[in-house]
C-alpha cells in the first residue's frame, strides 16, 4: 500500500557525472488530478503545485509508486533560466528541444 504524504515533499538533490536529480512525492488529492501514464511537461507539474527552480524535467515514471515524480537536469544548468551554458555538451540538444 503506497504511503502518500500530507503535502508535496521534495527530496534533496543527488547527482552523477552528467545530471542532478530529485524526486517529488505528491499527496493523494493532487495525484488524483494528475495526467497518468505519461511524462508531465513543466507547465503541467507546476500547475499541480510543484515548485522548483528552472531546468528540471520529469524524465521517468516510477511504476511501483507513480505519485513519486522523478526529475533531472544536466549539470551546469542555470537555475534562474533553466538554460545550459553554450559550451555544454548538451547545449545543442537543449536548443532543438526548445524549438518543438
PDB file of N, CA and C in Angstrom:
ATOM      1  N   UNK A   1       0.843  -1.179   0.000  1.00  0.00           N
ATOM      2  CA  UNK A   1       0.000   0.000   0.000  1.00  0.00           C
ATOM      3  C   UNK A   1       0.891   1.246   0.000  1.00  0.00           C
ATOM      4  N   UNK A   2       0.715   2.159  -0.963  1.00  0.00           N
ATOM      5  CA  UNK A   2       1.578   3.338  -1.012  1.00  0.00           C
ATOM      6  C   UNK A   2       1.335   4.270   0.176  1.00  0.00           C
ATOM      7  N   UNK A   3       2.391   4.960   0.537  1.00  0.00           N
ATOM      8  CA  UNK A   3       2.290   5.961   1.607  1.00  0.00           C
ATOM      9  C   UNK A   3       2.318   7.349   0.972  1.00  0.00           C
ATOM     10  N   UNK A   4       1.169   7.996   0.920  1.00  0.00           N
ATOM     11  CA  UNK A   4       1.069   9.340   0.369  1.00  0.00           C
ATOM     12  C   UNK A   4       1.388  10.359   1.465  1.00  0.00           C
ATOM     13  N   UNK A   5       2.180  11.377   1.151  1.00  0.00           N
ATOM     14  CA  UNK A   5       2.414  12.426   2.140  1.00  0.00           C
ATOM     15  C   UNK A   5       1.187  13.332   2.264  1.00  0.00           C
ATOM     16  N   UNK A   6       1.135  14.127   3.317  1.00  0.00           N
ATOM     17  CA  UNK A   6       0.032  15.076   3.516  1.00  0.00           C
ATOM     18  C   UNK A   6       0.168  16.305   2.628  1.00  0.00           C
ATOM     19  N   UNK A   7       1.406  16.653   2.285  1.00  0.00           N
ATOM     20  CA  UNK A   7       1.674  17.775   1.381  1.00  0.00           C
ATOM     21  C   UNK A   7       2.815  17.385   0.467  1.00  0.00           C
ATOM     22  N   UNK A   8       3.074  18.174  -0.573  1.00  0.00           N
ATOM     23  CA  UNK A   8       4.145  17.869  -1.521  1.00  0.00           C
ATOM     24  C   UNK A   8       5.472  17.812  -0.767  1.00  0.00           C
ATOM     25  N   UNK A   9       6.228  16.745  -0.995  1.00  0.00           N
ATOM     26  CA  UNK A   9       7.538  16.570  -0.366  1.00  0.00           C
ATOM     27  C   UNK A   9       8.609  16.526  -1.453  1.00  0.00           C
ATOM     28  N   UNK A  10       9.737  17.180  -1.172  1.00  0.00           N
ATOM     29  CA  UNK A  10      10.851  17.274  -2.103  1.00  0.00           C
ATOM     30  C   UNK A  10      12.073  16.577  -1.512  1.00  0.00           C
ATOM     31  N   UNK A  11      12.727  15.747  -2.307  1.00  0.00           N
ATOM     32  CA  UNK A  11      13.963  15.114  -1.847  1.00  0.00           C
ATOM     33  C   UNK A  11      15.104  16.128  -1.925  1.00  0.00           C
ATOM     34  N   UNK A  12      16.184  15.793  -1.272  1.00  0.00           N
ATOM     35  CA  UNK A  12      17.423  16.527  -1.500  1.00  0.00           C
ATOM     36  C   UNK A  12      17.872  16.202  -2.920  1.00  0.00           C
ATOM     37  N   UNK A  13      18.689  17.071  -3.487  1.00  0.00           N
ATOM     38  CA  UNK A  13      19.244  16.788  -4.819  1.00  0.00           C
ATOM     39  C   UNK A  13      20.361  15.757  -4.676  1.00  0.00           C
ATOM     40  N   UNK A  14      20.489  14.923  -5.687  1.00  0.00           N
ATOM     41  CA  UNK A  14      21.601  13.982  -5.773  1.00  0.00           C
ATOM     42  C   UNK A  14      22.087  14.014  -7.210  1.00  0.00           C
ATOM     43  N   UNK A  15      23.279  13.497  -7.487  1.00  0.00           N
ATOM     44  CA  UNK A  15      23.856  13.695  -8.820  1.00  0.00           C
ATOM     45  C   UNK A  15      24.752  12.545  -9.237  1.00  0.00           C
ATOM     46  N   UNK A  16      24.996  12.512 -10.551  1.00  0.00           N
ATOM     47  CA  UNK A  16      26.038  11.669 -11.122  1.00  0.00           C
ATOM     48  C   UNK A  16      26.921  12.585 -11.959  1.00  0.00           C
ATOM     49  N   UNK A  17      27.707  12.050 -12.865  1.00  0.00           N
ATOM     50  CA  UNK A  17      28.617  12.889 -13.644  1.00  0.00           C
ATOM     51  C   UNK A  17      27.909  13.803 -14.632  1.00  0.00           C
ATOM     52  N   UNK A  18      26.694  13.463 -15.036  1.00  0.00           N
ATOM     53  CA  UNK A  18      26.002  14.216 -16.079  1.00  0.00           C
ATOM     54  C   UNK A  18      24.804  15.029 -15.589  1.00  0.00           C
ATOM     55  N   UNK A  19      24.089  14.525 -14.602  1.00  0.00           N
ATOM     56  CA  UNK A  19      22.823  15.138 -14.193  1.00  0.00           C
ATOM     57  C   UNK A  19      22.754  15.334 -12.683  1.00  0.00           C
ATOM     58  N   UNK A  20      21.886  16.260 -12.286  1.00  0.00           N
ATOM     59  CA  UNK A  20      21.443  16.302 -10.905  1.00  0.00           C
ATOM     60  C   UNK A  20      19.993  15.837 -10.912  1.00  0.00           C
ATOM     61  N   UNK A  21      19.592  15.210  -9.829  1.00  0.00           N
ATOM     62  CA  UNK A  21      18.287  14.562  -9.740  1.00  0.00           C
ATOM     63  C   UNK A  21      17.576  14.987  -8.463  1.00  0.00           C
ATOM     64  N   UNK A  22      16.285  14.837  -8.472  1.00  0.00           N
ATOM     65  CA  UNK A  22      15.480  14.938  -7.256  1.00  0.00           C
ATOM     66  C   UNK A  22      14.167  14.233  -7.530  1.00  0.00           C
ATOM     67  N   UNK A  23      13.505  13.838  -6.483  1.00  0.00           N
ATOM     68  CA  UNK A  23      12.164  13.271  -6.644  1.00  0.00           C
ATOM     69  C   UNK A  23      11.204  14.047  -5.763  1.00  0.00           C
ATOM     70  N   UNK A  24       9.956  14.062  -6.220  1.00  0.00           N
ATOM     71  CA  UNK A  24       8.896  14.825  -5.563  1.00  0.00           C
ATOM     72  C   UNK A  24       7.733  13.877  -5.303  1.00  0.00           C
ATOM     73  N   UNK A  25       7.282  13.849  -4.065  1.00  0.00           N
ATOM     74  CA  UNK A  25       6.154  12.997  -3.677  1.00  0.00           C
ATOM     75  C   UNK A  25       4.890  13.841  -3.620  1.00  0.00           C
ATOM     76  N   UNK A  26       3.866  13.360  -4.311  1.00  0.00           N
ATOM     77  CA  UNK A  26       2.590  14.077  -4.341  1.00  0.00           C
ATOM     78  C   UNK A  26       1.607  13.483  -3.337  1.00  0.00           C
ATOM     79  N   UNK A  27       0.852  14.340  -2.659  1.00  0.00           N
ATOM     80  CA  UNK A  27      -0.230  13.820  -1.822  1.00  0.00           C
ATOM     81  C   UNK A  27      -1.343  13.221  -2.697  1.00  0.00           C
ATOM     82  N   UNK A  28      -2.158  12.389  -2.103  1.00  0.00           N
ATOM     83  CA  UNK A  28      -3.191  11.666  -2.849  1.00  0.00           C
ATOM     84  C   UNK A  28      -4.143  12.604  -3.590  1.00  0.00           C
ATOM     85  N   UNK A  29      -4.580  13.696  -2.948  1.00  0.00           N
ATOM     86  CA  UNK A  29      -5.548  14.595  -3.586  1.00  0.00           C
ATOM     87  C   UNK A  29      -4.965  15.292  -4.816  1.00  0.00           C
ATOM     88  N   UNK A  30      -3.657  15.504  -4.853  1.00  0.00           N
ATOM     89  CA  UNK A  30      -3.014  16.093  -6.032  1.00  0.00           C
ATOM     90  C   UNK A  30      -2.767  15.015  -7.087  1.00  0.00           C
ATOM     91  N   UNK A  31      -2.331  13.842  -6.644  1.00  0.00           N
ATOM     92  CA  UNK A  31      -2.088  12.735  -7.576  1.00  0.00           C
ATOM     93  C   UNK A  31      -3.343  12.395  -8.372  1.00  0.00           C
ATOM     94  N   UNK A  32      -4.514  12.478  -7.745  1.00  0.00           N
ATOM     95  CA  UNK A  32      -5.772  12.168  -8.434  1.00  0.00           C
ATOM     96  C   UNK A  32      -6.054  13.132  -9.588  1.00  0.00           C
ATOM     97  N   UNK A  33      -5.516  14.360  -9.536  1.00  0.00           N
ATOM     98  CA  UNK A  33      -5.718  15.361 -10.599  1.00  0.00           C
ATOM     99  C   UNK A  33      -4.732  15.188 -11.756  1.00  0.00           C
ATOM    100  N   UNK A  34      -3.710  14.396 -11.553  1.00  0.00           N
ATOM    101  CA  UNK A  34      -2.587  14.300 -12.481  1.00  0.00           C
ATOM    102  C   UNK A  34      -2.921  13.466 -13.712  1.00  0.00           C
ATOM    103  N   UNK A  35      -2.397  13.897 -14.870  1.00  0.00           N
ATOM    104  CA  UNK A  35      -2.427  13.077 -16.080  1.00  0.00           C
ATOM    105  C   UNK A  35      -1.528  11.880 -15.832  1.00  0.00           C
ATOM    106  N   UNK A  36      -2.020  10.677 -16.022  1.00  0.00           N
ATOM    107  CA  UNK A  36      -1.228   9.490 -15.716  1.00  0.00           C
ATOM    108  C   UNK A  36      -0.789   8.767 -16.973  1.00  0.00           C
ATOM    109  N   UNK A  37       0.277   7.992 -16.815  1.00  0.00           N
ATOM    110  CA  UNK A  37       0.742   7.147 -17.902  1.00  0.00           C
ATOM    111  C   UNK A  37       1.670   7.838 -18.883  1.00  0.00           C
ATOM    112  N   UNK A  38       2.033   9.089 -18.586  1.00  0.00           N
ATOM    113  CA  UNK A  38       2.979   9.790 -19.459  1.00  0.00           C
ATOM    114  C   UNK A  38       3.742  10.815 -18.632  1.00  0.00           C
ATOM    115  N   UNK A  39       4.837  11.286 -19.195  1.00  0.00           N
ATOM    116  CA  UNK A  39       5.639  12.302 -18.519  1.00  0.00           C
ATOM    117  C   UNK A  39       4.926  13.649 -18.580  1.00  0.00           C
ATOM    118  N   UNK A  40       5.104  14.442 -17.541  1.00  0.00           N
ATOM    119  CA  UNK A  40       4.454  15.749 -17.473  1.00  0.00           C
ATOM    120  C   UNK A  40       5.364  16.841 -18.012  1.00  0.00           C
ATOM    121  N   UNK A  41       4.769  17.818 -18.671  1.00  0.00           N
ATOM    122  CA  UNK A  41       5.518  19.000 -19.093  1.00  0.00           C
ATOM    123  C   UNK A  41       5.738  19.892 -17.870  1.00  0.00           C
ATOM    124  N   UNK A  42       6.605  20.868 -18.017  1.00  0.00           N
ATOM    125  CA  UNK A  42       6.839  21.791 -16.910  1.00  0.00           C
ATOM    126  C   UNK A  42       5.559  22.515 -16.517  1.00  0.00           C
ATOM    127  N   UNK A  43       4.784  22.967 -17.494  1.00  0.00           N
ATOM    128  CA  UNK A  43       3.521  23.644 -17.170  1.00  0.00           C
ATOM    129  C   UNK A  43       2.577  22.728 -16.389  1.00  0.00           C
ATOM    130  N   UNK A  44       2.532  21.451 -16.750  1.00  0.00           N
ATOM    131  CA  UNK A  44       1.643  20.514 -16.066  1.00  0.00           C
ATOM    132  C   UNK A  44       2.064  20.282 -14.619  1.00  0.00           C
ATOM    133  N   UNK A  45       3.363  19.998 -14.389  1.00  0.00           N
ATOM    134  CA  UNK A  45       3.750  19.735 -13.000  1.00  0.00           C
ATOM    135  C   UNK A  45       3.705  20.997 -12.154  1.00  0.00           C
ATOM    136  N   UNK A  46       3.964  22.163 -12.753  1.00  0.00           N
ATOM    137  CA  UNK A  46       3.821  23.413 -11.986  1.00  0.00           C
ATOM    138  C   UNK A  46       2.346  23.660 -11.641  1.00  0.00           C
ATOM    139  N   UNK A  47       1.434  23.306 -12.549  1.00  0.00           N
ATOM    140  CA  UNK A  47       0.002  23.516 -12.275  1.00  0.00           C
ATOM    141  C   UNK A  47      -0.499  22.621 -11.138  1.00  0.00           C
ATOM    142  N   UNK A  48       0.222  21.543 -10.841  1.00  0.00           N
ATOM    143  CA  UNK A  48      -0.121  20.679  -9.714  1.00  0.00           C
ATOM    144  C   UNK A  48       0.376  21.255  -8.386  1.00  0.00           C
ATOM    145  N   UNK A  49       1.204  22.299  -8.470  1.00  0.00           N
ATOM    146  CA  UNK A  49       1.732  22.912  -7.253  1.00  0.00           C
ATOM    147  C   UNK A  49       3.182  22.583  -6.969  1.00  0.00           C
ATOM    148  N   UNK A  50       3.836  21.843  -7.860  1.00  0.00           N
ATOM    149  CA  UNK A  50       5.248  21.532  -7.673  1.00  0.00           C
ATOM    150  C   UNK A  50       6.042  22.806  -7.938  1.00  0.00           C
ATOM    151  N   UNK A  51       6.908  23.168  -6.988  1.00  0.00           N
ATOM    152  CA  UNK A  51       7.697  24.389  -7.091  1.00  0.00           C
ATOM    153  C   UNK A  51       9.174  24.042  -7.002  1.00  0.00           C
ATOM    154  N   UNK A  52       9.893  24.346  -8.063  1.00  0.00           N
ATOM    155  CA  UNK A  52      11.344  24.164  -8.071  1.00  0.00           C
ATOM    156  C   UNK A  52      11.932  25.092  -9.123  1.00  0.00           C
ATOM    157  N   UNK A  53      13.234  25.290  -9.041  1.00  0.00           N
ATOM    158  CA  UNK A  53      13.889  26.206  -9.967  1.00  0.00           C
ATOM    159  C   UNK A  53      13.797  25.674 -11.397  1.00  0.00           C
ATOM    160  N   UNK A  54      14.219  26.473 -12.337  1.00  0.00           N
ATOM    161  CA  UNK A  54      14.076  26.158 -13.767  1.00  0.00           C
ATOM    162  C   UNK A  54      15.034  25.049 -14.204  1.00  0.00           C
ATOM    163  N   UNK A  55      14.642  24.393 -15.283  1.00  0.00           N
ATOM    164  CA  UNK A  55      15.505  23.399 -15.915  1.00  0.00           C
ATOM    165  C   UNK A  55      15.211  21.953 -15.564  1.00  0.00           C
ATOM    166  N   UNK A  56      14.344  21.717 -14.592  1.00  0.00           N
ATOM    167  CA  UNK A  56      14.018  20.348 -14.208  1.00  0.00           C
ATOM    168  C   UNK A  56      13.062  19.729 -15.230  1.00  0.00           C
ATOM    169  N   UNK A  57      13.299  18.451 -15.538  1.00  0.00           N
ATOM    170  CA  UNK A  57      12.483  17.707 -16.496  1.00  0.00           C
ATOM    171  C   UNK A  57      11.981  16.433 -15.813  1.00  0.00           C
ATOM    172  N   UNK A  58      10.682  16.199 -15.923  1.00  0.00           N
ATOM    173  CA  UNK A  58      10.095  14.939 -15.448  1.00  0.00           C
ATOM    174  C   UNK A  58      10.536  13.882 -16.457  1.00  0.00           C
ATOM    175  N   UNK A  59      11.471  13.019 -16.057  1.00  0.00           N
ATOM    176  CA  UNK A  59      12.122  12.148 -17.037  1.00  0.00           C
ATOM    177  C   UNK A  59      11.734  10.680 -16.956  1.00  0.00           C
ATOM    178  N   UNK A  60      11.056  10.273 -15.885  1.00  0.00           N
ATOM    179  CA  UNK A  60      10.723   8.857 -15.773  1.00  0.00           C
ATOM    180  C   UNK A  60       9.511   8.676 -14.867  1.00  0.00           C
ATOM    181  N   UNK A  61       8.737   7.640 -15.164  1.00  0.00           N
ATOM    182  CA  UNK A  61       7.603   7.266 -14.319  1.00  0.00           C
ATOM    183  C   UNK A  61       8.039   6.092 -13.454  1.00  0.00           C
ATOM    184  N   UNK A  62       7.910   6.252 -12.149  1.00  0.00           N
ATOM    185  CA  UNK A  62       8.253   5.197 -11.197  1.00  0.00           C
ATOM    186  C   UNK A  62       7.011   4.318 -11.036  1.00  0.00           C
ATOM    187  N   UNK A  63       6.921   3.267 -11.850  1.00  0.00           N
ATOM    188  CA  UNK A  63       5.691   2.475 -11.932  1.00  0.00           C
ATOM    189  C   UNK A  63       5.194   1.923 -10.588  1.00  0.00           C
ATOM    190  N   UNK A  64       6.075   1.458  -9.690  1.00  0.00           N
ATOM    191  CA  UNK A  64       5.531   0.964  -8.416  1.00  0.00           C
ATOM    192  C   UNK A  64       4.845   2.057  -7.580  1.00  0.00           C
ATOM    193  N   UNK A  65       5.303   3.303  -7.719  1.00  0.00           N
ATOM    194  CA  UNK A  65       4.736   4.414  -6.955  1.00  0.00           C
ATOM    195  C   UNK A  65       4.633   5.641  -7.864  1.00  0.00           C
ATOM    196  N   UNK A  66       3.622   5.682  -8.742  1.00  0.00           N
ATOM    197  CA  UNK A  66       3.546   6.766  -9.728  1.00  0.00           C
ATOM    198  C   UNK A  66       3.272   8.146  -9.141  1.00  0.00           C
ATOM    199  N   UNK A  67       2.994   8.234  -7.855  1.00  0.00           N
ATOM    200  CA  UNK A  67       2.827   9.542  -7.211  1.00  0.00           C
ATOM    201  C   UNK A  67       4.183  10.166  -6.875  1.00  0.00           C
ATOM    202  N   UNK A  68       5.276   9.426  -7.133  1.00  0.00           N
ATOM    203  CA  UNK A  68       6.625   9.965  -6.959  1.00  0.00           C
ATOM    204  C   UNK A  68       7.120  10.391  -8.334  1.00  0.00           C
ATOM    205  N   UNK A  69       7.298  11.699  -8.515  1.00  0.00           N
ATOM    206  CA  UNK A  69       7.769  12.235  -9.790  1.00  0.00           C
ATOM    207  C   UNK A  69       9.292  12.295  -9.769  1.00  0.00           C
ATOM    208  N   UNK A  70       9.919  11.763 -10.803  1.00  0.00           N
ATOM    209  CA  UNK A  70      11.378  11.741 -10.903  1.00  0.00           C
ATOM    210  C   UNK A  70      11.823  12.840 -11.858  1.00  0.00           C
ATOM    211  N   UNK A  71      12.694  13.711 -11.374  1.00  0.00           N
ATOM    212  CA  UNK A  71      13.178  14.849 -12.151  1.00  0.00           C
ATOM    213  C   UNK A  71      14.689  14.786 -12.294  1.00  0.00           C
ATOM    214  N   UNK A  72      15.163  15.380 -13.394  1.00  0.00           N
ATOM    215  CA  UNK A  72      16.607  15.560 -13.567  1.00  0.00           C
ATOM    216  C   UNK A  72      16.839  16.808 -14.401  1.00  0.00           C
ATOM    217  N   UNK A  73      18.072  17.308 -14.316  1.00  0.00           N
ATOM    218  CA  UNK A  73      18.521  18.376 -15.203  1.00  0.00           C
ATOM    219  C   UNK A  73      20.032  18.230 -15.354  1.00  0.00           C
ATOM    220  N   UNK A  74      20.571  18.620 -16.515  1.00  0.00           N
ATOM    221  CA  UNK A  74      22.006  18.469 -16.735  1.00  0.00           C
ATOM    222  C   UNK A  74      22.811  19.302 -15.737  1.00  0.00           C
ATOM    223  N   UNK A  75      23.954  18.756 -15.339  1.00  0.00           N
ATOM    224  CA  UNK A  75      24.879  19.513 -14.506  1.00  0.00           C
ATOM    225  C   UNK A  75      25.228  20.811 -15.231  1.00  0.00           C
ATOM    226  N   UNK A  76      25.284  21.907 -14.526  1.00  0.00           N
ATOM    227  CA  UNK A  76      25.628  23.193 -15.116  1.00  0.00           C
ATOM    228  C   UNK A  76      24.436  24.020 -15.559  1.00  0.00           C
ATOM    229  N   UNK A  77      23.218  23.511 -15.394  1.00  0.00           N
ATOM    230  CA  UNK A  77      22.015  24.260 -15.756  1.00  0.00           C
ATOM    231  C   UNK A  77      21.882  25.486 -14.863  1.00  0.00           C
ATOM    232  N   UNK A  78      21.584  26.629 -15.471  1.00  0.00           N
ATOM    233  CA  UNK A  78      21.348  27.848 -14.705  1.00  0.00           C
ATOM    234  C   UNK A  78      19.964  27.718 -14.061  1.00  0.00           C
ATOM    235  N   UNK A  79      19.883  27.723 -12.718  1.00  0.00           N
ATOM    236  CA  UNK A  79      18.585  27.529 -12.066  1.00  0.00           C
ATOM    237  C   UNK A  79      17.616  28.703 -12.243  1.00  0.00           C
ATOM    238  N   UNK A  80      18.123  29.866 -12.672  1.00  0.00           N
ATOM    239  CA  UNK A  80      17.243  31.017 -12.905  1.00  0.00           C
ATOM    240  C   UNK A  80      16.611  30.998 -14.286  1.00  0.00           C
ATOM    241  N   UNK A  81      17.339  30.471 -15.269  1.00  0.00           N
ATOM    242  CA  UNK A  81      16.834  30.464 -16.641  1.00  0.00           C
ATOM    243  C   UNK A  81      16.470  29.062 -17.142  1.00  0.00           C
ATOM    244  N   UNK A  82      17.065  28.029 -16.533  1.00  0.00           N
ATOM    245  CA  UNK A  82      16.869  26.656 -16.999  1.00  0.00           C
ATOM    246  C   UNK A  82      17.730  26.326 -18.198  1.00  0.00           C
ATOM    247  N   UNK A  83      18.640  27.235 -18.565  1.00  0.00           N
ATOM    248  CA  UNK A  83      19.463  27.046 -19.758  1.00  0.00           C
ATOM    249  C   UNK A  83      20.863  26.563 -19.409  1.00  0.00           C
ATOM    250  N   UNK A  84      21.451  25.846 -20.363  1.00  0.00           N
ATOM    251  CA  UNK A  84      22.831  25.397 -20.229  1.00  0.00           C
ATOM    252  C   UNK A  84      23.771  26.442 -20.815  1.00  0.00           C
ATOM    253  N   UNK A  85      25.020  26.506 -20.334  1.00  0.00           N
ATOM    254  CA  UNK A  85      25.984  27.397 -20.968  1.00  0.00           C
ATOM    255  C   UNK A  85      26.295  26.917 -22.384  1.00  0.00           C
ATOM    256  N   UNK A  86      26.660  27.832 -23.276  1.00  0.00           N
ATOM    257  CA  UNK A  86      26.872  27.490 -24.695  1.00  0.00           C
ATOM    258  C   UNK A  86      27.852  26.363 -24.925  1.00  0.00           C
ATOM    259  N   UNK A  87      28.883  26.229 -24.153  1.00  0.00           N
ATOM    260  CA  UNK A  87      29.881  25.183 -24.382  1.00  0.00           C
ATOM    261  C   UNK A  87      29.503  23.815 -23.843  1.00  0.00           C
ATOM    262  N   UNK A  88      28.378  23.711 -23.194  1.00  0.00           N
ATOM    263  CA  UNK A  88      27.965  22.441 -22.578  1.00  0.00           C
ATOM    264  C   UNK A  88      27.678  21.401 -23.660  1.00  0.00           C
ATOM    265  N   UNK A  89      28.071  20.122 -23.428  1.00  0.00           N
ATOM    266  CA  UNK A  89      27.841  19.076 -24.435  1.00  0.00           C
ATOM    267  C   UNK A  89      26.369  18.883 -24.827  1.00  0.00           C
ATOM    268  N   UNK A  90      25.432  19.222 -23.961  1.00  0.00           N
ATOM    269  CA  UNK A  90      24.008  19.049 -24.267  1.00  0.00           C
ATOM    270  C   UNK A  90      23.333  20.339 -24.734  1.00  0.00           C
ATOM    271  N   UNK A  91      24.112  21.388 -24.948  1.00  0.00           N
ATOM    272  CA  UNK A  91      23.555  22.690 -25.317  1.00  0.00           C
ATOM    273  C   UNK A  91      22.736  22.624 -26.613  1.00  0.00           C
ATOM    274  N   UNK A  92      23.285  22.033 -27.664  1.00  0.00           N
ATOM    275  CA  UNK A  92      22.575  21.948 -28.950  1.00  0.00           C
ATOM    276  C   UNK A  92      21.302  21.112 -28.821  1.00  0.00           C
ATOM    277  N   UNK A  93      21.365  20.038 -28.052  1.00  0.00           N
ATOM    278  CA  UNK A  93      20.184  19.192 -27.827  1.00  0.00           C
ATOM    279  C   UNK A  93      19.092  19.992 -27.117  1.00  0.00           C
ATOM    280  N   UNK A  94      19.485  20.822 -26.166  1.00  0.00           N
ATOM    281  CA  UNK A  94      18.510  21.656 -25.462  1.00  0.00           C
ATOM    282  C   UNK A  94      17.866  22.658 -26.419  1.00  0.00           C
ATOM    283  N   UNK A  95      18.657  23.269 -27.290  1.00  0.00           N
ATOM    284  CA  UNK A  95      18.111  24.221 -28.264  1.00  0.00           C
ATOM    285  C   UNK A  95      17.086  23.552 -29.171  1.00  0.00           C
ATOM    286  N   UNK A  96      17.401  22.357 -29.639  1.00  0.00           N
ATOM    287  CA  UNK A  96      16.476  21.625 -30.513  1.00  0.00           C
ATOM    288  C   UNK A  96      15.173  21.301 -29.780  1.00  0.00           C
ATOM    289  N   UNK A  97      15.281  20.879 -28.524  1.00  0.00           N
ATOM    290  CA  UNK A  97      14.085  20.541 -27.743  1.00  0.00           C
ATOM    291  C   UNK A  97      13.211  21.765 -27.513  1.00  0.00           C
ATOM    292  N   UNK A  98      13.811  22.924 -27.386  1.00  0.00           N
ATOM    293  CA  UNK A  98      13.054  24.151 -27.150  1.00  0.00           C
ATOM    294  C   UNK A  98      12.281  24.584 -28.393  1.00  0.00           C
ATOM    295  N   UNK A  99      12.723  24.160 -29.571  1.00  0.00           N
ATOM    296  CA  UNK A  99      12.049  24.527 -30.821  1.00  0.00           C
ATOM    297  C   UNK A  99      10.793  23.701 -31.058  1.00  0.00           C
ATOM    298  N   UNK A 100      10.649  22.601 -30.359  1.00  0.00           N
ATOM    299  CA  UNK A 100       9.486  21.712 -30.559  1.00  0.00           C
ATOM    300  C   UNK A 100       8.243  22.294 -29.946  1.00  0.00           C
TER     301      UNK A 100
END
